[in-house]
C-alpha atoms as a PDB file:
ATOM      1  CA  MET A   1     -25.980 -99.110-109.703  1.00  0.00           C
ATOM      2  CA  LEU A   2     -27.224 -96.585-107.203  1.00  0.00           C
ATOM      3  CA  PHE A   3     -25.369 -95.983-103.948  1.00  0.00           C
ATOM      4  CA  LEU A   4     -27.571 -96.773-100.960  1.00  0.00           C
ATOM      5  CA  GLY A   5     -25.200 -96.562 -98.010  1.00  0.00           C
ATOM      6  CA  LYS A   6     -22.440 -98.321 -96.154  1.00  0.00           C
ATOM      7  CA  LEU A   7     -22.561-101.572 -94.224  1.00  0.00           C
ATOM      8  CA  VAL A   8     -20.886-100.360 -91.042  1.00  0.00           C
ATOM      9  CA  ASN A   9     -21.082-103.399 -88.788  1.00  0.00           C
ATOM     10  CA  THR A  10     -22.703-106.653 -87.839  1.00  0.00           C
ATOM     11  CA  HIS A  11     -25.317-106.960 -85.093  1.00  0.00           C
ATOM     12  CA  GLY A  12     -25.631-110.070 -82.981  1.00  0.00           C
ATOM     13  CA  ILE A  13     -24.484-113.498 -84.042  1.00  0.00           C
ATOM     14  CA  LYS A  14     -27.237-114.477 -86.505  1.00  0.00           C
ATOM     15  CA  GLY A  15     -26.037-112.528 -89.543  1.00  0.00           C
ATOM     16  CA  GLU A  16     -27.879-109.224 -89.068  1.00  0.00           C
ATOM     17  CA  VAL A  17     -26.027-106.151 -90.374  1.00  0.00           C
ATOM     18  CA  ARG A  18     -26.135-102.405 -89.731  1.00  0.00           C
ATOM     19  CA  ILE A  19     -26.365-100.181 -92.770  1.00  0.00           C
ATOM     20  CA  LEU A  20     -25.882 -96.432 -92.524  1.00  0.00           C
ATOM     21  CA  SER A  21     -27.966 -94.782 -95.236  1.00  0.00           C
ATOM     22  CA  ASP A  22     -29.607 -91.443 -95.876  1.00  0.00           C
ATOM     23  CA  PHE A  23     -31.279 -92.608 -99.078  1.00  0.00           C
ATOM     24  CA  LYS A  24     -34.504 -90.754 -99.777  1.00  0.00           C
ATOM     25  CA  TYR A  25     -36.780 -93.747-100.412  1.00  0.00           C
ATOM     26  CA  LYS A  26     -35.583 -96.314 -97.852  1.00  0.00           C
ATOM     27  CA  GLU A  27     -39.080 -97.689 -97.311  1.00  0.00           C
ATOM     28  CA  LEU A  28     -39.083 -98.880-100.933  1.00  0.00           C
ATOM     29  CA  VAL A  29     -35.647-100.476-101.078  1.00  0.00           C
ATOM     30  CA  PHE A  30     -35.317-102.065 -97.637  1.00  0.00           C
ATOM     31  CA  GLU A  31     -38.127-104.513 -98.182  1.00  0.00           C
ATOM     32  CA  LYS A  32     -38.235-108.286 -97.850  1.00  0.00           C
ATOM     33  CA  GLY A  33     -37.733-109.842-101.269  1.00  0.00           C
ATOM     34  CA  LYS A  34     -35.675-106.939-102.702  1.00  0.00           C
ATOM     35  CA  TYR A  35     -31.994-107.213-103.588  1.00  0.00           C
ATOM     36  CA  LEU A  36     -28.978-105.332-102.287  1.00  0.00           C
ATOM     37  CA  TYR A  37     -25.591-105.466-104.001  1.00  0.00           C
ATOM     38  CA  ILE A  38     -22.376-105.534-102.007  1.00  0.00           C
ATOM     39  CA  GLY A  39     -19.209-106.005-104.004  1.00  0.00           C
ATOM     40  CA  ASP A  40     -19.960-108.750-106.528  1.00  0.00           C
ATOM     41  CA  ASP A  41     -22.671-110.300-104.366  1.00  0.00           C
ATOM     42  CA  LYS A  42     -26.409-110.007-104.929  1.00  0.00           C
ATOM     43  CA  LEU A  43     -28.175-110.467-101.585  1.00  0.00           C
ATOM     44  CA  LEU A  44     -31.893-111.012-101.036  1.00  0.00           C
ATOM     45  CA  ILE A  45     -33.359-109.133 -98.064  1.00  0.00           C
ATOM     46  CA  ASN A  46     -34.999-111.446 -95.544  1.00  0.00           C
ATOM     47  CA  SER A  47     -35.893-108.872 -92.876  1.00  0.00           C
ATOM     48  CA  TYR A  48     -35.602-105.164 -92.158  1.00  0.00           C
ATOM     49  CA  ARG A  49     -35.979-102.932 -89.120  1.00  0.00           C
ATOM     50  CA  VAL A  50     -34.656 -99.621 -87.857  1.00  0.00           C
ATOM     51  CA  HIS A  51     -32.560 -99.584 -84.682  1.00  0.00           C
ATOM     52  CA  LYS A  52     -30.813 -96.517 -83.207  1.00  0.00           C
ATOM     53  CA  GLY A  53     -30.646 -94.744 -86.568  1.00  0.00           C
ATOM     54  CA  TYR A  54     -29.319 -97.752 -88.468  1.00  0.00           C
ATOM     55  CA  ASP A  55     -31.052 -99.828 -91.089  1.00  0.00           C
ATOM     56  CA  MET A  56     -30.861-103.386 -89.802  1.00  0.00           C
ATOM     57  CA  VAL A  57     -31.026-106.098 -92.447  1.00  0.00           C
ATOM     58  CA  THR A  58     -30.793-109.877 -92.606  1.00  0.00           C
ATOM     59  CA  PHE A  59     -30.268-111.733 -95.852  1.00  0.00           C
ATOM     60  CA  ASP A  60     -31.866-114.899 -97.151  1.00  0.00           C
ATOM     61  CA  GLY A  61     -29.708-117.932 -96.444  1.00  0.00           C
ATOM     62  CA  ILE A  62     -27.303-116.088 -94.119  1.00  0.00           C
ATOM     63  CA  ASN A  63     -27.797-116.973 -90.455  1.00  0.00           C
ATOM     64  CA  ASP A  64     -24.323-116.576 -89.003  1.00  0.00           C
ATOM     65  CA  ILE A  65     -22.140-113.582 -88.180  1.00  0.00           C
ATOM     66  CA  ASN A  66     -19.155-115.237 -89.867  1.00  0.00           C
ATOM     67  CA  ASP A  67     -20.969-115.147 -93.219  1.00  0.00           C
ATOM     68  CA  VAL A  68     -21.455-111.351 -93.150  1.00  0.00           C
ATOM     69  CA  LEU A  69     -18.135-110.222 -91.657  1.00  0.00           C
ATOM     70  CA  LYS A  70     -16.651-109.980 -95.169  1.00  0.00           C
ATOM     71  CA  TYR A  71     -19.147-107.172 -95.977  1.00  0.00           C
ATOM     72  CA  LYS A  72     -18.195-104.968 -93.027  1.00  0.00           C
ATOM     73  CA  GLY A  73     -17.115-101.511 -94.246  1.00  0.00           C
ATOM     74  CA  LYS A  74     -18.338-102.070 -97.810  1.00  0.00           C
ATOM     75  CA  LYS A  75     -20.665 -99.904 -99.865  1.00  0.00           C
ATOM     76  CA  VAL A  76     -24.207-101.080-100.511  1.00  0.00           C
ATOM     77  CA  TYR A  77     -25.964-100.542-103.844  1.00  0.00           C
ATOM     78  CA  ILE A  78     -29.270-101.195-105.549  1.00  0.00           C
ATOM     79  CA  LYS A  79     -30.108-101.474-109.230  1.00  0.00           C
ATOM     80  CA  LYS A  80     -32.140 -98.400-110.063  1.00  0.00           C
ATOM     81  CA  ASP A  81     -34.167-100.180-112.741  1.00  0.00           C
ATOM     82  CA  GLU A  82     -35.489-102.666-110.146  1.00  0.00           C
ATOM     83  CA  PHE A  83     -37.473 -99.878-108.460  1.00  0.00           C
ATOM     84  CA  GLU A  84     -40.066 -97.276-109.319  1.00  0.00           C
ATOM     85  CA  PHE A  85     -39.580 -94.168-107.204  1.00  0.00           C
ATOM     86  CA  PRO A  86     -42.411 -91.670-106.631  1.00  0.00           C
ATOM     87  CA  GLY A  87     -40.194 -88.635-107.210  1.00  0.00           C
ATOM     88  CA  ILE A  88     -36.884 -87.484-108.596  1.00  0.00           C
ATOM     89  CA  LEU A  89     -33.787 -88.896-106.932  1.00  0.00           C
ATOM     90  CA  ASN A  90     -31.153 -86.446-105.749  1.00  0.00           C
ATOM     91  CA  GLU A  91     -28.618 -88.344-107.836  1.00  0.00           C
ATOM     92  CA  ASP A  92     -30.590 -87.402-110.968  1.00  0.00           C
ATOM     93  CA  LEU A  93     -30.231 -83.678-110.195  1.00  0.00           C
ATOM     94  CA  ILE A  94     -26.432 -83.556-110.504  1.00  0.00           C
ATOM     95  CA  GLY A  95     -25.633 -81.411-113.546  1.00  0.00           C
ATOM     96  CA  VAL A  96     -29.119 -79.876-113.768  1.00  0.00           C
ATOM     97  CA  SER A  97     -29.230 -76.115-114.466  1.00  0.00           C
ATOM     98  CA  VAL A  98     -30.633 -73.807-111.781  1.00  0.00           C
ATOM     99  CA  TYR A  99     -32.564 -70.704-112.826  1.00  0.00           C
ATOM    100  CA  ALA A 100     -33.954 -67.626-111.086  1.00  0.00           C
ATOM    101  CA  SER A 101     -36.466 -65.801-113.299  1.00  0.00           C
ATOM    102  CA  ASP A 102     -34.997 -67.509-116.394  1.00  0.00           C
ATOM    103  CA  LYS A 103     -31.489 -66.327-115.482  1.00  0.00           C
ATOM    104  CA  LEU A 104     -29.008 -69.196-115.235  1.00  0.00           C
ATOM    105  CA  ILE A 105     -27.494 -69.234-111.751  1.00  0.00           C
ATOM    106  CA  GLY A 106     -25.387 -72.382-112.117  1.00  0.00           C
ATOM    107  CA  LYS A 107     -25.518 -76.164-112.306  1.00  0.00           C
ATOM    108  CA  VAL A 108     -25.975 -78.584-109.434  1.00  0.00           C
ATOM    109  CA  LYS A 109     -22.602 -80.036-108.487  1.00  0.00           C
ATOM    110  CA  ASP A 110     -23.679 -81.855-105.323  1.00  0.00           C
ATOM    111  CA  ILE A 111     -26.465 -82.142-102.780  1.00  0.00           C
ATOM    112  CA  TYR A 112     -25.357 -81.850 -99.186  1.00  0.00           C
ATOM    113  CA  LYS A 113     -27.552 -83.352 -96.497  1.00  0.00           C
ATOM    114  CA  ASN A 114     -27.279 -81.612 -93.156  1.00  0.00           C
ATOM    115  CA  VAL A 115     -29.372 -82.246 -90.059  1.00  0.00           C
ATOM    116  CA  ASN A 116     -32.292 -79.955 -90.935  1.00  0.00           C
ATOM    117  CA  GLN A 117     -32.382 -79.821 -94.713  1.00  0.00           C
ATOM    118  CA  GLU A 118     -30.624 -80.540 -97.962  1.00  0.00           C
ATOM    119  CA  LEU A 119     -28.531 -77.922 -99.743  1.00  0.00           C
ATOM    120  CA  LEU A 120     -27.999 -77.660-103.483  1.00  0.00           C
ATOM    121  CA  ILE A 121     -24.302 -76.982-104.085  1.00  0.00           C
ATOM    122  CA  LEU A 122     -23.808 -75.265-107.426  1.00  0.00           C
ATOM    123  CA  ASP A 123     -20.709 -75.349-109.616  1.00  0.00           C
ATOM    124  CA  ASN A 124     -20.033 -71.692-108.761  1.00  0.00           C
ATOM    125  CA  GLY A 125     -19.985 -72.386-105.000  1.00  0.00           C
ATOM    126  CA  THR A 126     -23.492 -71.078-104.319  1.00  0.00           C
ATOM    127  CA  MET A 127     -25.484 -73.040-101.743  1.00  0.00           C
ATOM    128  CA  ILE A 128     -29.275 -73.028-101.964  1.00  0.00           C
ATOM    129  CA  PRO A 129     -31.509 -74.623 -99.323  1.00  0.00           C
ATOM    130  CA  PHE A 130     -33.465 -77.396-101.050  1.00  0.00           C
ATOM    131  CA  VAL A 131     -36.768 -76.412 -99.418  1.00  0.00           C
ATOM    132  CA  ASP A 132     -40.070 -75.046-100.741  1.00  0.00           C
ATOM    133  CA  GLU A 133     -39.312 -71.462 -99.644  1.00  0.00           C
ATOM    134  CA  PHE A 134     -36.405 -71.305-102.101  1.00  0.00           C
ATOM    135  CA  VAL A 135     -37.134 -73.951-104.731  1.00  0.00           C
ATOM    136  CA  LYS A 136     -40.300 -73.477-106.778  1.00  0.00           C
ATOM    137  CA  GLY A 137     -39.900 -76.149-109.410  1.00  0.00           C
ATOM    138  CA  VAL A 138     -37.788 -79.267-109.942  1.00  0.00           C
ATOM    139  CA  SER A 139     -37.448 -81.509-112.953  1.00  0.00           C
ATOM    140  CA  LYS A 140     -34.651 -83.584-114.428  1.00  0.00           C
ATOM    141  CA  GLU A 141     -34.034 -80.763-116.921  1.00  0.00           C
ATOM    142  CA  ARG A 142     -34.132 -77.642-114.705  1.00  0.00           C
ATOM    143  CA  ILE A 143     -34.591 -76.267-111.215  1.00  0.00           C
ATOM    144  CA  ASP A 144     -36.342 -72.934-110.678  1.00  0.00           C
ATOM    145  CA  ILE A 145     -35.680 -70.981-107.501  1.00  0.00           C
ATOM    146  CA  ASN A 146     -37.072 -67.913-105.766  1.00  0.00           C
ATOM    147  CA  LEU A 147     -34.265 -65.406-105.738  1.00  0.00           C
ATOM    148  CA  VAL A 148     -34.113 -64.032-102.212  1.00  0.00           C
ATOM    149  CA  LYS A 149     -31.937 -60.977-101.584  1.00  0.00           C
ATOM    150  CA  GLY A 150     -28.561 -62.093-100.237  1.00  0.00           C
ATOM    151  CA  LEU A 151     -28.904 -65.678-101.435  1.00  0.00           C
ATOM    152  CA  ILE A 152     -26.342 -65.227-104.216  1.00  0.00           C
ATOM    153  CA  ASP A 153     -23.708 -62.612-104.959  1.00  0.00           C
ATOM    154  CA  GLU A 154     -24.989 -60.300-107.633  1.00  0.00           C
ATOM    155  CA  ASP A 155     -22.132 -58.130-108.842  1.00  0.00           C
END
């Protein structure tokens, strides 16, 4: 299962829910006829729209607020094998080695998403902006970066 976001609240009285998600390929997963997983429940998406930064979803067969209240505050997942993504998911980069000119800098420990960009957080505490100016190549096996003076401590 792949974490998609959190169901933060209901919206209206007809069973619509607000999901807070920063998933990279939302347009592929929030689609009518696709499934979301909340707890032990497999829910078929009936409709999707964006409203005030939230992903608004209704589910097939659920037309009442009382039927979705039990999901409030729960995490929302998808099954990765039900989708074909056009690129590498951030989740697949955890543990990948980062190199600068074939010198190992560290391994990706986390990817932090701030307002303007994503940052690669390495196991040694180094933070590298995940943008084209710094990252020249990405695969599931390795990440190559442009080593810019001052980016990492070189003692």
